[in-house]
């Protein structure tokens, strides 16, 4: 299954909070939903829930999600 990497802009404080949630085994539902919506916006269909990968250190901070997507079909 193809994998699509999604990066969402955020601020450093929120990124740290989401990282702490992830380390505690919890999910930040709003950012996960935003990653799924970005996949749809790019014209692909998510095949599974987005997986939190981490955060960037740059400015602006970004949340990184990997999302399995259904392969494109051509007729």
Protein backbone atom coordinates (compact mmCIF):
# COMPACT_ATOMS: atom_id res chain seq x y z
CA UNK A 1 0.00 0.00 0.00
CA UNK A 2 1.45 3.43 -0.91
CA UNK A 3 2.40 5.73 1.92
CA UNK A 4 1.87 9.48 1.91
CA UNK A 5 3.83 11.73 4.27
CA UNK A 6 1.88 14.72 5.58
CA UNK A 7 3.43 17.70 7.39
CA UNK A 8 1.14 20.07 9.28
CA UNK A 9 2.26 23.53 10.42
CA UNK A 10 1.95 24.21 14.14
CA UNK A 11 3.72 26.15 16.87
CA UNK A 12 6.53 24.66 18.97
CA UNK A 13 4.49 24.51 22.18
CA UNK A 14 1.65 22.57 20.55
CA UNK A 15 4.17 20.29 18.82
CA UNK A 16 5.76 19.46 22.18
CA UNK A 17 2.36 18.76 23.74
CA UNK A 18 1.42 16.41 20.92
CA UNK A 19 4.79 14.65 21.20
CA UNK A 20 4.17 14.11 24.93
CA UNK A 21 0.70 12.69 24.19
CA UNK A 22 2.26 10.31 21.67
CA UNK A 23 4.91 9.18 24.16
CA UNK A 24 2.12 8.47 26.66
CA UNK A 25 0.38 6.25 24.08
CA UNK A 26 -2.44 8.72 23.43
CA UNK A 27 -3.67 10.36 20.23
CA UNK A 28 -4.13 14.04 19.41
CA UNK A 29 -7.38 13.65 17.53
CA UNK A 30 -7.45 17.13 15.94
CA UNK A 31 -4.06 16.82 14.24
CA UNK A 32 -4.74 13.22 13.16
CA UNK A 33 -8.02 14.36 11.59
CA UNK A 34 -6.21 17.27 9.92
CA UNK A 35 -3.68 14.84 8.40
CA UNK A 36 -6.53 12.68 7.07
CA UNK A 37 -8.23 15.76 5.58
CA UNK A 38 -4.97 16.78 3.88
CA UNK A 39 -4.79 13.37 2.19
CA UNK A 40 -8.35 13.85 0.89
CA UNK A 41 -7.47 17.40 -0.22
CA UNK A 42 -4.60 15.99 -2.28
CA UNK A 43 -7.00 13.70 -4.09
CA UNK A 44 -6.10 10.41 -2.42
CA UNK A 45 -8.16 8.06 -0.25
CA UNK A 46 -6.78 7.11 3.18
CA UNK A 47 -6.60 3.35 3.74
CA UNK A 48 -5.83 3.55 7.47
CA UNK A 49 -5.57 5.99 10.35
CA UNK A 50 -2.67 8.47 10.09
CA UNK A 51 0.41 7.40 12.07
CA UNK A 52 2.24 10.09 14.06
CA UNK A 53 5.93 10.06 13.10
CA UNK A 54 7.31 13.08 14.95
CA UNK A 55 7.92 16.80 14.77
CA UNK A 56 10.40 18.98 12.92
CA UNK A 57 12.80 21.38 14.61
CA UNK A 58 12.43 24.12 12.02
CA UNK A 59 10.32 27.26 11.93
CA UNK A 60 7.44 26.84 11.69
CA UNK A 61 7.35 23.56 13.60
CA UNK A 62 5.56 20.79 11.73
CA UNK A 63 3.80 17.63 12.81
CA UNK A 64 4.70 14.64 10.64
CA UNK A 65 2.18 11.91 9.87
CA UNK A 66 2.41 8.91 7.55
CA UNK A 67 -0.86 7.78 5.99
CA UNK A 68 -1.45 4.58 4.03
CA UNK A 69 -3.46 5.42 0.92
CA UNK A 70 -5.21 3.28 -1.64
CA UNK A 71 -3.26 2.98 -4.88
CA UNK A 72 -4.56 4.97 -7.83
CA UNK A 73 -6.56 2.92 -10.25
CA UNK A 74 -6.60 3.64 -13.94
CA UNK A 75 -9.17 2.34 -16.35
